[in-house]
Every structure is written in C-alpha cells, then in structure tokens.
Amino acid sequence: MSAVTTAVTAETVRAVFARRTAPVAALGTDADALAAACHAMAQRFHRGGRLLAMGTGPAAADAAHVVVEFVHPVIMGKRALPAYGLPDGGSATTVAMFGGPDDIALAFSPDGASARHAEALAQAARSGMLTVALLGAGADGSGGVMARVPGLDHVIVVPSADARVVREAHVTAYHVLWELVHVFLDAPEVLT
C-alpha cells in the first residue's frame, strides 16, 4: 500500500471507531440504570420468572442472541435461565399469550420507533411483567415512541442514530445484563 492509501485508510478506521466510542462509553455513564435493570431481572429469575425477548428485523437477531446467552451459559458453573424469543418478534398479543406477572419483557430496537413493540411493552407493563427496553436514540434523539411507554421499568437508550452502532452497543449491554444477573443470583440475600 502506498503511504497516501495507508493514511486515508487509517483515518477512515479512526473515524469509524470514533463514531462508536461515545455511544458505547455512554453505557458506562448509565451504569446505575443498567445495574438496576440487572438486579430487577435477577429478582424475577429468582422467583421463577422467564425472559421473553422481542425484536424484529435486525433486532430479531439481538433478541435471539440474548435468549441463547441465558439458556446456554458459556461460563462454567453459571446456570441456564429460562428465556424465549417471542414467535412473531413480539406483539401485544404474544406478550399476553406467553407472559405472566413474574416474567421479563426485553425489547430491542435500533431507533425505538416500533409502534408494535411499544404496544407489546405496554401490554407487558399492564400484565405486571418487568419491562426492559434497549433502544437507539432514533431520529428524535430520545429513544422514540418505545421510550415513552407508560409504566416501563428500565429504558436504556444508546445515544446514536446509527443502527449499526446501536446494535453493537446493545451487544455489550446485554452481555453485561447476563453477567450481572448471574452476579446477583450468586448472592440471593440481595434478591428478597
């Protein structure tokens, strides 16, 4: 490669990483919110609840991935936890059909704009389920209509409108969710 090509390529790589740095670092500044969601999830699992994950389009892959993380732990000694991906990607109907008051509804959206998932989260909240939404900032910067669902328990918004960056940050967030849920489950005295 020529020196000019190397310089342009290196600058492009720096720019690509720079777009990701602030949104992922924001998850760390929102550590209290993420820890609270983990604690609440561990409490639900402790009393027999299940995780119901939802997302459509590219977010369906995130919902499926988090289900695998909980059902098939990769760290020796960590127990499998009941987790399911909703069959239609998540809707108010499937939340009502499959969810119960001890369960957890976890929704993924790169922009928070899904009216369907907003309705599903509203149904989950009405049913007494714990609600957790991992959202991107979207066009309005707030997490969209999903972030404004009344009664939501935990909303984590990645401050980026770039769906790729949001999904990468969500991967980090749900791995932290998985890890800290197990930390809490290993200390049952903090779950009552």
N, C-alpha and C. Protein backbone atom coordinates (compact mmCIF):
# COMPACT_ATOMS: atom_id res chain seq x y z
N MET A 1 0.84 -1.18 0.00
CA MET A 1 0.00 0.00 0.00
C MET A 1 0.88 1.24 0.00
N SER A 2 0.40 2.25 -0.67
CA SER A 2 1.16 3.49 -0.69
C SER A 2 0.94 4.24 0.62
N ALA A 3 1.81 5.19 0.89
CA ALA A 3 1.70 5.99 2.12
C ALA A 3 0.38 6.76 2.14
N VAL A 4 -0.06 7.27 0.97
CA VAL A 4 -1.31 8.01 0.90
C VAL A 4 -2.49 7.08 1.19
N THR A 5 -2.48 5.89 0.60
CA THR A 5 -3.56 4.92 0.84
C THR A 5 -3.60 4.52 2.30
N THR A 6 -2.44 4.27 2.88
CA THR A 6 -2.38 3.89 4.29
C THR A 6 -2.92 5.00 5.18
N ALA A 7 -2.57 6.24 4.88
CA ALA A 7 -3.04 7.37 5.68
C ALA A 7 -4.55 7.53 5.57
N VAL A 8 -5.10 7.40 4.36
CA VAL A 8 -6.55 7.52 4.17
C VAL A 8 -7.26 6.38 4.87
N THR A 9 -6.74 5.18 4.73
CA THR A 9 -7.35 4.02 5.37
C THR A 9 -7.30 4.16 6.89
N ALA A 10 -6.16 4.57 7.42
CA ALA A 10 -6.03 4.74 8.86
C ALA A 10 -6.99 5.82 9.37
N GLU A 11 -7.13 6.90 8.63
CA GLU A 11 -8.04 7.96 9.03
C GLU A 11 -9.49 7.46 9.00
N THR A 12 -9.82 6.68 8.02
CA THR A 12 -11.17 6.10 7.94
C THR A 12 -11.42 5.18 9.13
N VAL A 13 -10.46 4.36 9.48
CA VAL A 13 -10.60 3.45 10.63
C VAL A 13 -10.79 4.26 11.91
N ARG A 14 -10.00 5.33 12.09
CA ARG A 14 -10.16 6.18 13.27
C ARG A 14 -11.56 6.78 13.33
N ALA A 15 -12.07 7.22 12.19
CA ALA A 15 -13.41 7.82 12.14
C ALA A 15 -14.49 6.79 12.47
N VAL A 16 -14.33 5.59 11.97
CA VAL A 16 -15.30 4.53 12.26
C VAL A 16 -15.32 4.22 13.75
N PHE A 17 -14.16 4.12 14.38
CA PHE A 17 -14.11 3.86 15.82
C PHE A 17 -14.62 5.06 16.61
N ALA A 18 -14.36 6.26 16.15
CA ALA A 18 -14.82 7.45 16.86
C ALA A 18 -16.34 7.50 16.92
N ARG A 19 -17.02 7.06 15.85
CA ARG A 19 -18.49 7.04 15.86
C ARG A 19 -19.03 6.11 16.93
N ARG A 20 -18.24 5.12 17.34
CA ARG A 20 -18.68 4.13 18.32
C ARG A 20 -18.27 4.47 19.75
N THR A 21 -17.23 5.24 19.90
CA THR A 21 -16.66 5.48 21.23
C THR A 21 -17.65 6.12 22.19
N ALA A 22 -18.23 7.24 21.82
CA ALA A 22 -19.13 7.96 22.72
C ALA A 22 -20.39 7.15 23.06
N PRO A 23 -21.06 6.53 22.07
CA PRO A 23 -22.26 5.76 22.43
C PRO A 23 -21.97 4.58 23.35
N VAL A 24 -20.89 3.87 23.13
CA VAL A 24 -20.57 2.74 24.00
C VAL A 24 -20.13 3.24 25.37
N ALA A 25 -19.35 4.32 25.41
CA ALA A 25 -18.94 4.90 26.70
C ALA A 25 -20.15 5.39 27.49
N ALA A 26 -21.20 5.84 26.79
CA ALA A 26 -22.41 6.31 27.47
C ALA A 26 -23.07 5.19 28.27
N LEU A 27 -22.92 3.95 27.82
CA LEU A 27 -23.44 2.83 28.61
C LEU A 27 -22.78 2.80 29.98
N GLY A 28 -21.49 3.10 30.02
CA GLY A 28 -20.78 3.15 31.30
C GLY A 28 -21.25 4.28 32.18
N THR A 29 -21.60 5.41 31.59
CA THR A 29 -22.10 6.52 32.39
C THR A 29 -23.53 6.26 32.86
N ASP A 30 -24.20 5.31 32.22
CA ASP A 30 -25.55 4.92 32.59
C ASP A 30 -25.52 3.62 33.41
N ALA A 31 -24.40 3.40 34.11
CA ALA A 31 -24.18 2.15 34.83
C ALA A 31 -25.25 1.91 35.90
N ASP A 32 -25.69 2.95 36.59
CA ASP A 32 -26.71 2.76 37.62
C ASP A 32 -28.00 2.19 37.02
N ALA A 33 -28.40 2.72 35.87
CA ALA A 33 -29.63 2.23 35.22
C ALA A 33 -29.46 0.78 34.77
N LEU A 34 -28.32 0.45 34.23
CA LEU A 34 -28.07 -0.92 33.78
C LEU A 34 -28.00 -1.87 34.98
N ALA A 35 -27.36 -1.44 36.06
CA ALA A 35 -27.29 -2.28 37.27
C ALA A 35 -28.67 -2.48 37.87
N ALA A 36 -29.50 -1.46 37.87
CA ALA A 36 -30.87 -1.59 38.40
C ALA A 36 -31.67 -2.59 37.57
N ALA A 37 -31.52 -2.54 36.26
CA ALA A 37 -32.21 -3.50 35.39
C ALA A 37 -31.73 -4.91 35.68
N CYS A 38 -30.43 -5.09 35.86
CA CYS A 38 -29.87 -6.42 36.16
C CYS A 38 -30.42 -6.95 37.47
N HIS A 39 -30.46 -6.11 38.50
CA HIS A 39 -30.96 -6.53 39.80
C HIS A 39 -32.43 -6.94 39.71
N ALA A 40 -33.23 -6.13 39.03
CA ALA A 40 -34.65 -6.43 38.88
C ALA A 40 -34.85 -7.73 38.09
N MET A 41 -34.05 -7.93 37.05
CA MET A 41 -34.14 -9.17 36.27
C MET A 41 -33.78 -10.37 37.14
N ALA A 42 -32.73 -10.25 37.93
CA ALA A 42 -32.31 -11.35 38.80
C ALA A 42 -33.42 -11.68 39.80
N GLN A 43 -34.09 -10.66 40.33
CA GLN A 43 -35.19 -10.91 41.25
C GLN A 43 -36.30 -11.72 40.58
N ARG A 44 -36.61 -11.39 39.34
CA ARG A 44 -37.65 -12.13 38.61
C ARG A 44 -37.21 -13.57 38.35
N PHE A 45 -35.98 -13.75 37.91
CA PHE A 45 -35.49 -15.12 37.70
C PHE A 45 -35.50 -15.90 39.01
N HIS A 46 -35.12 -15.25 40.10
CA HIS A 46 -35.04 -15.90 41.41
C HIS A 46 -36.40 -16.45 41.84
N ARG A 47 -37.46 -15.75 41.48
CA ARG A 47 -38.79 -16.23 41.86
C ARG A 47 -39.48 -17.00 40.75
N GLY A 48 -38.71 -17.46 39.77
CA GLY A 48 -39.25 -18.36 38.74
C GLY A 48 -39.67 -17.71 37.45
N GLY A 49 -39.37 -16.44 37.26
CA GLY A 49 -39.75 -15.75 36.04
C GLY A 49 -38.93 -16.19 34.85
N ARG A 50 -39.43 -15.82 33.69
CA ARG A 50 -38.78 -16.14 32.42
C ARG A 50 -38.52 -14.85 31.64
N LEU A 51 -37.53 -14.90 30.79
CA LEU A 51 -37.22 -13.77 29.91
C LEU A 51 -37.91 -13.99 28.58
N LEU A 52 -38.68 -13.00 28.14
CA LEU A 52 -39.30 -13.02 26.82
C LEU A 52 -38.67 -11.88 26.02
N ALA A 53 -37.89 -12.25 25.02
CA ALA A 53 -37.16 -11.26 24.23
C ALA A 53 -37.90 -10.96 22.94
N MET A 54 -37.84 -9.70 22.51
CA MET A 54 -38.51 -9.32 21.28
C MET A 54 -37.70 -8.31 20.48
N GLY A 55 -37.86 -8.41 19.19
CA GLY A 55 -37.24 -7.50 18.25
C GLY A 55 -37.54 -8.00 16.85
N THR A 56 -37.66 -7.10 15.91
CA THR A 56 -37.91 -7.50 14.53
C THR A 56 -36.81 -6.93 13.64
N GLY A 57 -36.74 -7.44 12.42
CA GLY A 57 -35.68 -7.02 11.52
C GLY A 57 -34.34 -7.39 12.13
N PRO A 58 -33.35 -6.53 11.99
CA PRO A 58 -32.04 -6.84 12.57
C PRO A 58 -32.08 -7.03 14.09
N ALA A 59 -33.00 -6.37 14.77
CA ALA A 59 -33.11 -6.52 16.22
C ALA A 59 -33.59 -7.91 16.62
N ALA A 60 -34.20 -8.65 15.70
CA ALA A 60 -34.60 -10.04 15.98
C ALA A 60 -33.38 -10.90 16.27
N ALA A 61 -32.28 -10.59 15.59
CA ALA A 61 -31.03 -11.33 15.85
C ALA A 61 -30.53 -11.05 17.26
N ASP A 62 -30.67 -9.83 17.74
CA ASP A 62 -30.27 -9.50 19.11
C ASP A 62 -31.15 -10.24 20.11
N ALA A 63 -32.46 -10.28 19.85
CA ALA A 63 -33.37 -11.00 20.75
C ALA A 63 -33.00 -12.48 20.79
N ALA A 64 -32.72 -13.06 19.63
CA ALA A 64 -32.35 -14.48 19.58
C ALA A 64 -31.02 -14.71 20.30
N HIS A 65 -30.07 -13.81 20.12
CA HIS A 65 -28.76 -13.95 20.74
C HIS A 65 -28.86 -13.90 22.27
N VAL A 66 -29.62 -12.96 22.80
CA VAL A 66 -29.73 -12.85 24.25
C VAL A 66 -30.42 -14.08 24.84
N VAL A 67 -31.37 -14.64 24.11
CA VAL A 67 -32.02 -15.88 24.57
C VAL A 67 -30.98 -16.99 24.69
N VAL A 68 -30.14 -17.14 23.68
CA VAL A 68 -29.09 -18.17 23.73
C VAL A 68 -28.16 -17.93 24.90
N GLU A 69 -27.80 -16.68 25.16
CA GLU A 69 -26.90 -16.36 26.28
C GLU A 69 -27.48 -16.85 27.60
N PHE A 70 -28.77 -16.61 27.81
CA PHE A 70 -29.39 -17.00 29.08
C PHE A 70 -29.65 -18.51 29.16
N VAL A 71 -30.04 -19.11 28.07
CA VAL A 71 -30.37 -20.54 28.08
C VAL A 71 -29.12 -21.42 28.08
N HIS A 72 -28.08 -20.94 27.42
CA HIS A 72 -26.86 -21.75 27.28
C HIS A 72 -25.66 -20.94 27.75
N PRO A 73 -25.46 -20.83 29.07
CA PRO A 73 -24.35 -20.01 29.57
C PRO A 73 -22.99 -20.55 29.14
N VAL A 74 -22.11 -19.64 28.77
CA VAL A 74 -20.79 -20.03 28.29
C VAL A 74 -19.75 -20.08 29.40
N ILE A 75 -20.11 -19.62 30.58
CA ILE A 75 -19.17 -19.64 31.70
C ILE A 75 -19.51 -20.83 32.59
N MET A 76 -18.51 -21.64 32.84
CA MET A 76 -18.68 -22.84 33.66
C MET A 76 -19.26 -22.47 35.02
N GLY A 77 -20.27 -23.22 35.45
CA GLY A 77 -20.86 -23.02 36.75
C GLY A 77 -22.04 -22.07 36.78
N LYS A 78 -22.29 -21.38 35.68
CA LYS A 78 -23.45 -20.48 35.64
C LYS A 78 -24.65 -21.27 35.12
N ARG A 79 -25.77 -21.10 35.79
CA ARG A 79 -26.93 -21.91 35.43
C ARG A 79 -27.68 -21.34 34.23
N ALA A 80 -28.34 -22.23 33.54
CA ALA A 80 -29.21 -21.82 32.45
C ALA A 80 -30.45 -21.18 33.04
N LEU A 81 -30.95 -20.16 32.40
CA LEU A 81 -32.14 -19.46 32.86
C LEU A 81 -33.18 -19.50 31.75
N PRO A 82 -34.46 -19.57 32.11
CA PRO A 82 -35.50 -19.69 31.09
C PRO A 82 -35.65 -18.40 30.28
N ALA A 83 -35.46 -18.53 29.00
CA ALA A 83 -35.56 -17.37 28.10
C ALA A 83 -36.12 -17.84 26.77
N TYR A 84 -36.97 -17.01 26.20
CA TYR A 84 -37.66 -17.36 24.96
C TYR A 84 -37.71 -16.14 24.05
N GLY A 85 -37.59 -16.38 22.76
CA GLY A 85 -37.85 -15.34 21.79
C GLY A 85 -39.31 -15.43 21.39
N LEU A 86 -40.02 -14.34 21.41
CA LEU A 86 -41.44 -14.39 21.05
C LEU A 86 -41.57 -14.76 19.57
N PRO A 87 -42.51 -15.66 19.25
CA PRO A 87 -42.57 -16.25 17.91
C PRO A 87 -42.82 -15.27 16.78
N ASP A 88 -43.47 -14.16 17.03
CA ASP A 88 -43.73 -13.20 15.96
C ASP A 88 -42.81 -11.99 16.05
N GLY A 89 -41.74 -12.11 16.84
CA GLY A 89 -40.84 -10.98 17.04
C GLY A 89 -41.30 -10.07 18.16
N GLY A 90 -42.50 -10.33 18.66
CA GLY A 90 -43.03 -9.56 19.78
C GLY A 90 -44.20 -8.69 19.37
N SER A 91 -45.32 -8.89 20.04
CA SER A 91 -46.51 -8.08 19.83
C SER A 91 -47.30 -8.12 21.13
N ALA A 92 -48.28 -7.25 21.25
CA ALA A 92 -49.12 -7.26 22.45
C ALA A 92 -49.81 -8.61 22.61
N THR A 93 -50.21 -9.20 21.50
CA THR A 93 -50.89 -10.50 21.55
C THR A 93 -49.99 -11.59 22.09
N THR A 94 -48.76 -11.68 21.59
CA THR A 94 -47.88 -12.76 22.07
C THR A 94 -47.40 -12.49 23.49
N VAL A 95 -47.23 -11.24 23.87
CA VAL A 95 -46.87 -10.93 25.26
C VAL A 95 -48.00 -11.39 26.18
N ALA A 96 -49.24 -11.09 25.82
CA ALA A 96 -50.38 -11.52 26.65
C ALA A 96 -50.49 -13.04 26.68
N MET A 97 -50.19 -13.68 25.57
CA MET A 97 -50.33 -15.13 25.47
C MET A 97 -49.24 -15.87 26.26
N PHE A 98 -48.00 -15.41 26.17
CA PHE A 98 -46.88 -16.14 26.75
C PHE A 98 -46.38 -15.58 28.08
N GLY A 99 -46.67 -14.33 28.38
CA GLY A 99 -46.09 -13.69 29.56
C GLY A 99 -46.97 -13.76 30.79
N GLY A 100 -46.32 -13.75 31.93
CA GLY A 100 -47.00 -13.71 33.21
C GLY A 100 -46.38 -12.66 34.10
N PRO A 101 -46.99 -12.39 35.25
CA PRO A 101 -46.53 -11.27 36.09
C PRO A 101 -45.11 -11.44 36.65
N ASP A 102 -44.58 -12.64 36.70
CA ASP A 102 -43.20 -12.82 37.20
C ASP A 102 -42.16 -12.72 36.09
N ASP A 103 -42.60 -12.59 34.85
CA ASP A 103 -41.70 -12.64 33.70
C ASP A 103 -41.09 -11.28 33.38
N ILE A 104 -40.15 -11.31 32.44
CA ILE A 104 -39.41 -10.14 32.00
C ILE A 104 -39.63 -9.97 30.50
N ALA A 105 -40.06 -8.80 30.08
CA ALA A 105 -40.16 -8.47 28.66
C ALA A 105 -38.96 -7.61 28.31
N LEU A 106 -38.13 -8.10 27.40
CA LEU A 106 -36.93 -7.38 26.98
C LEU A 106 -37.07 -7.07 25.49
N ALA A 107 -37.13 -5.79 25.16
CA ALA A 107 -37.32 -5.36 23.77
C ALA A 107 -36.08 -4.68 23.24
N PHE A 108 -35.78 -4.98 21.98
CA PHE A 108 -34.65 -4.37 21.27
C PHE A 108 -35.18 -3.55 20.11
N SER A 109 -34.63 -2.36 19.93
CA SER A 109 -34.94 -1.55 18.75
C SER A 109 -33.81 -0.58 18.50
N PRO A 110 -33.32 -0.51 17.26
CA PRO A 110 -32.23 0.43 16.98
C PRO A 110 -32.67 1.89 16.97
N ASP A 111 -34.00 2.14 16.92
CA ASP A 111 -34.46 3.53 16.89
C ASP A 111 -35.64 3.81 17.81
N GLY A 112 -36.19 2.79 18.45
CA GLY A 112 -37.32 2.99 19.35
C GLY A 112 -38.61 3.38 18.65
N ALA A 113 -38.66 3.22 17.32
CA ALA A 113 -39.79 3.71 16.55
C ALA A 113 -40.90 2.68 16.33
N SER A 114 -40.77 1.49 16.85
CA SER A 114 -41.74 0.43 16.58
C SER A 114 -43.00 0.59 17.43
N ALA A 115 -44.09 1.01 16.78
CA ALA A 115 -45.38 1.11 17.48
C ALA A 115 -45.81 -0.27 17.98
N ARG A 116 -45.53 -1.28 17.20
CA ARG A 116 -45.88 -2.65 17.58
C ARG A 116 -45.20 -3.07 18.89
N HIS A 117 -43.91 -2.73 19.01
CA HIS A 117 -43.19 -3.09 20.24
C HIS A 117 -43.56 -2.16 21.39
N ALA A 118 -43.94 -0.94 21.10
CA ALA A 118 -44.44 -0.06 22.15
C ALA A 118 -45.72 -0.66 22.74
N GLU A 119 -46.60 -1.16 21.87
CA GLU A 119 -47.83 -1.81 22.34
C GLU A 119 -47.51 -3.08 23.13
N ALA A 120 -46.52 -3.84 22.67
CA ALA A 120 -46.12 -5.06 23.38
C ALA A 120 -45.58 -4.72 24.77
N LEU A 121 -44.75 -3.68 24.87
CA LEU A 121 -44.23 -3.27 26.17
C LEU A 121 -45.34 -2.75 27.08
N ALA A 122 -46.29 -2.03 26.51
CA ALA A 122 -47.42 -1.54 27.30
C ALA A 122 -48.23 -2.71 27.84
N GLN A 123 -48.45 -3.73 27.02
CA GLN A 123 -49.16 -4.93 27.47
C GLN A 123 -48.37 -5.62 28.59
N ALA A 124 -47.07 -5.71 28.42
CA ALA A 124 -46.23 -6.34 29.44
C ALA A 124 -46.33 -5.57 30.76
N ALA A 125 -46.28 -4.26 30.69
CA ALA A 125 -46.38 -3.44 31.90
C ALA A 125 -47.74 -3.62 32.57
N ARG A 126 -48.81 -3.65 31.78
CA ARG A 126 -50.15 -3.86 32.34
C ARG A 126 -50.27 -5.24 32.99
N SER A 127 -49.53 -6.21 32.47
CA SER A 127 -49.58 -7.58 32.99
C SER A 127 -48.72 -7.76 34.23
N GLY A 128 -47.99 -6.72 34.62
CA GLY A 128 -47.12 -6.82 35.79
C GLY A 128 -45.75 -7.37 35.50
N MET A 129 -45.44 -7.55 34.22
CA MET A 129 -44.11 -8.03 33.85
C MET A 129 -43.08 -6.93 34.08
N LEU A 130 -41.85 -7.33 34.33
CA LEU A 130 -40.74 -6.38 34.35
C LEU A 130 -40.46 -6.01 32.90
N THR A 131 -40.33 -4.73 32.62
CA THR A 131 -40.08 -4.30 31.25
C THR A 131 -38.71 -3.64 31.14
N VAL A 132 -37.96 -4.09 30.15
CA VAL A 132 -36.63 -3.57 29.87
C VAL A 132 -36.57 -3.29 28.38
N ALA A 133 -36.19 -2.09 28.00
CA ALA A 133 -36.07 -1.73 26.59
C ALA A 133 -34.65 -1.25 26.31
N LEU A 134 -34.01 -1.89 25.35
CA LEU A 134 -32.70 -1.47 24.86
C LEU A 134 -32.94 -0.81 23.51
N LEU A 135 -32.75 0.51 23.47
CA LEU A 135 -33.14 1.30 22.31
C LEU A 135 -31.97 2.12 21.78
N GLY A 136 -32.12 2.55 20.55
CA GLY A 136 -31.23 3.55 19.98
C GLY A 136 -31.91 4.89 20.09
N ALA A 137 -31.15 5.96 19.91
CA ALA A 137 -31.71 7.31 20.06
C ALA A 137 -32.77 7.62 19.02
N GLY A 138 -32.63 7.07 17.83
CA GLY A 138 -33.59 7.34 16.77
C GLY A 138 -33.49 8.75 16.25
N ALA A 139 -34.41 9.09 15.38
CA ALA A 139 -34.39 10.39 14.72
C ALA A 139 -34.60 11.54 15.69
N ASP A 140 -35.40 11.31 16.74
CA ASP A 140 -35.68 12.40 17.67
C ASP A 140 -34.70 12.47 18.83
N GLY A 141 -33.78 11.50 18.91
CA GLY A 141 -32.75 11.52 19.95
C GLY A 141 -33.19 11.02 21.31
N SER A 142 -34.46 10.60 21.45
CA SER A 142 -34.99 10.24 22.76
C SER A 142 -35.23 8.75 22.97
N GLY A 143 -35.08 7.95 21.94
CA GLY A 143 -35.45 6.54 22.06
C GLY A 143 -36.81 6.26 21.46
N GLY A 144 -37.42 7.26 20.85
CA GLY A 144 -38.66 7.07 20.11
C GLY A 144 -39.87 6.76 20.97
N VAL A 145 -40.91 6.30 20.30
CA VAL A 145 -42.19 6.00 20.94
C VAL A 145 -42.05 4.91 21.99
N MET A 146 -41.11 4.00 21.81
CA MET A 146 -40.95 2.92 22.77
C MET A 146 -40.46 3.43 24.12
N ALA A 147 -39.64 4.46 24.12
CA ALA A 147 -39.11 5.02 25.37
C ALA A 147 -40.19 5.75 26.17
N ARG A 148 -41.30 6.09 25.51
CA ARG A 148 -42.36 6.86 26.17
C ARG A 148 -43.55 6.01 26.60
N VAL A 149 -43.39 4.69 26.57
CA VAL A 149 -44.49 3.81 27.01
C VAL A 149 -44.70 4.00 28.51
N PRO A 150 -45.91 4.31 28.93
CA PRO A 150 -46.17 4.47 30.36
C PRO A 150 -45.91 3.16 31.12
N GLY A 151 -45.29 3.28 32.28
CA GLY A 151 -45.08 2.12 33.13
C GLY A 151 -43.84 1.30 32.83
N LEU A 152 -43.01 1.74 31.88
CA LEU A 152 -41.77 1.00 31.61
C LEU A 152 -40.88 1.04 32.84
N ASP A 153 -40.26 -0.09 33.13
CA ASP A 153 -39.39 -0.15 34.30
C ASP A 153 -37.97 0.33 34.01
N HIS A 154 -37.39 -0.12 32.91
CA HIS A 154 -35.99 0.20 32.61
C HIS A 154 -35.84 0.49 31.12
N VAL A 155 -35.33 1.66 30.82
CA VAL A 155 -35.08 2.06 29.44
C VAL A 155 -33.62 2.46 29.33
N ILE A 156 -32.91 1.78 28.46
CA ILE A 156 -31.51 2.10 28.20
C ILE A 156 -31.44 2.57 26.74
N VAL A 157 -31.07 3.83 26.55
CA VAL A 157 -31.01 4.41 25.20
C VAL A 157 -29.54 4.64 24.84
N VAL A 158 -29.13 4.03 23.75
CA VAL A 158 -27.79 4.27 23.21
C VAL A 158 -27.86 5.57 22.42
N PRO A 159 -27.04 6.57 22.77
CA PRO A 159 -27.15 7.88 22.13
C PRO A 159 -26.52 7.92 20.74
N SER A 160 -27.17 7.23 19.81
CA SER A 160 -26.72 7.23 18.42
C SER A 160 -27.93 6.94 17.55
N ALA A 161 -27.94 7.56 16.38
CA ALA A 161 -28.98 7.27 15.39
C ALA A 161 -28.48 6.27 14.36
N ASP A 162 -27.23 5.86 14.45
CA ASP A 162 -26.65 4.88 13.52
C ASP A 162 -27.01 3.48 14.02
N ALA A 163 -27.87 2.80 13.28
CA ALA A 163 -28.37 1.49 13.71
C ALA A 163 -27.25 0.48 13.95
N ARG A 164 -26.18 0.56 13.16
CA ARG A 164 -25.06 -0.39 13.36
C ARG A 164 -24.38 -0.14 14.69
N VAL A 165 -24.16 1.11 15.02
CA VAL A 165 -23.52 1.46 16.29
C VAL A 165 -24.42 1.07 17.45
N VAL A 166 -25.71 1.33 17.32
CA VAL A 166 -26.67 0.97 18.37
C VAL A 166 -26.64 -0.53 18.61
N ARG A 167 -26.67 -1.32 17.55
CA ARG A 167 -26.68 -2.77 17.72
C ARG A 167 -25.39 -3.25 18.37
N GLU A 168 -24.27 -2.67 18.02
CA GLU A 168 -23.00 -3.05 18.65
C GLU A 168 -23.03 -2.72 20.14
N ALA A 169 -23.58 -1.57 20.49
CA ALA A 169 -23.69 -1.19 21.91
C ALA A 169 -24.68 -2.11 22.64
N HIS A 170 -25.75 -2.50 21.95
CA HIS A 170 -26.71 -3.43 22.56
C HIS A 170 -26.05 -4.77 22.88
N VAL A 171 -25.17 -5.24 22.01
CA VAL A 171 -24.47 -6.49 22.30
C VAL A 171 -23.70 -6.36 23.61
N THR A 172 -23.01 -5.26 23.79
CA THR A 172 -22.30 -5.02 25.04
C THR A 172 -23.28 -4.97 26.21
N ALA A 173 -24.37 -4.25 26.04
CA ALA A 173 -25.35 -4.09 27.13
C ALA A 173 -25.95 -5.43 27.53
N TYR A 174 -26.34 -6.26 26.58
CA TYR A 174 -26.98 -7.50 27.01
C TYR A 174 -25.99 -8.52 27.52
N HIS A 175 -24.73 -8.41 27.16
CA HIS A 175 -23.73 -9.26 27.81
C HIS A 175 -23.53 -8.81 29.26
N VAL A 176 -23.56 -7.51 29.50
CA VAL A 176 -23.49 -7.00 30.87
C VAL A 176 -24.73 -7.45 31.65
N LEU A 177 -25.91 -7.36 31.03
CA LEU A 177 -27.13 -7.84 31.69
C LEU A 177 -26.96 -9.29 32.13
N TRP A 178 -26.52 -10.12 31.22
CA TRP A 178 -26.36 -11.55 31.52
C TRP A 178 -25.38 -11.74 32.68
N GLU A 179 -24.23 -11.09 32.59
CA GLU A 179 -23.19 -11.27 33.61
C GLU A 179 -23.66 -10.80 34.99
N LEU A 180 -24.25 -9.61 35.06
CA LEU A 180 -24.65 -9.09 36.36
C LEU A 180 -25.88 -9.78 36.93
N VAL A 181 -26.76 -10.28 36.08
CA VAL A 181 -27.87 -11.09 36.58
C VAL A 181 -27.30 -12.27 37.35
N HIS A 182 -26.27 -12.91 36.81
CA HIS A 182 -25.65 -14.04 37.49
C HIS A 182 -24.91 -13.62 38.76
N VAL A 183 -24.31 -12.44 38.75
CA VAL A 183 -23.68 -11.94 39.98
C VAL A 183 -24.72 -11.81 41.08
N PHE A 184 -25.88 -11.24 40.75
CA PHE A 184 -26.95 -11.10 41.74
C PHE A 184 -27.50 -12.47 42.15
N LEU A 185 -27.66 -13.38 41.20
CA LEU A 185 -28.19 -14.71 41.54
C LEU A 185 -27.23 -15.48 42.44
N ASP A 186 -25.93 -15.18 42.35
CA ASP A 186 -24.95 -15.81 43.22
C ASP A 186 -24.97 -15.23 44.63
N ALA A 187 -25.75 -14.18 44.84
CA ALA A 187 -25.89 -13.56 46.16
C ALA A 187 -27.37 -13.41 46.47
N PRO A 188 -28.07 -14.54 46.70
CA PRO A 188 -29.52 -14.48 46.85
C PRO A 188 -30.02 -13.59 47.98
N GLU A 189 -29.16 -13.28 48.93
CA GLU A 189 -29.60 -12.40 50.02
C GLU A 189 -29.95 -11.00 49.54
N VAL A 190 -29.48 -10.60 48.36
CA VAL A 190 -29.82 -9.27 47.84
C VAL A 190 -31.06 -9.29 46.94
N LEU A 191 -31.68 -10.46 46.83
CA LEU A 191 -32.82 -10.60 45.91
C LEU A 191 -34.18 -10.61 46.59
N THR A 192 -34.20 -10.58 47.90
CA THR A 192 -35.50 -10.65 48.58
C THR A 192 -36.05 -9.27 48.87
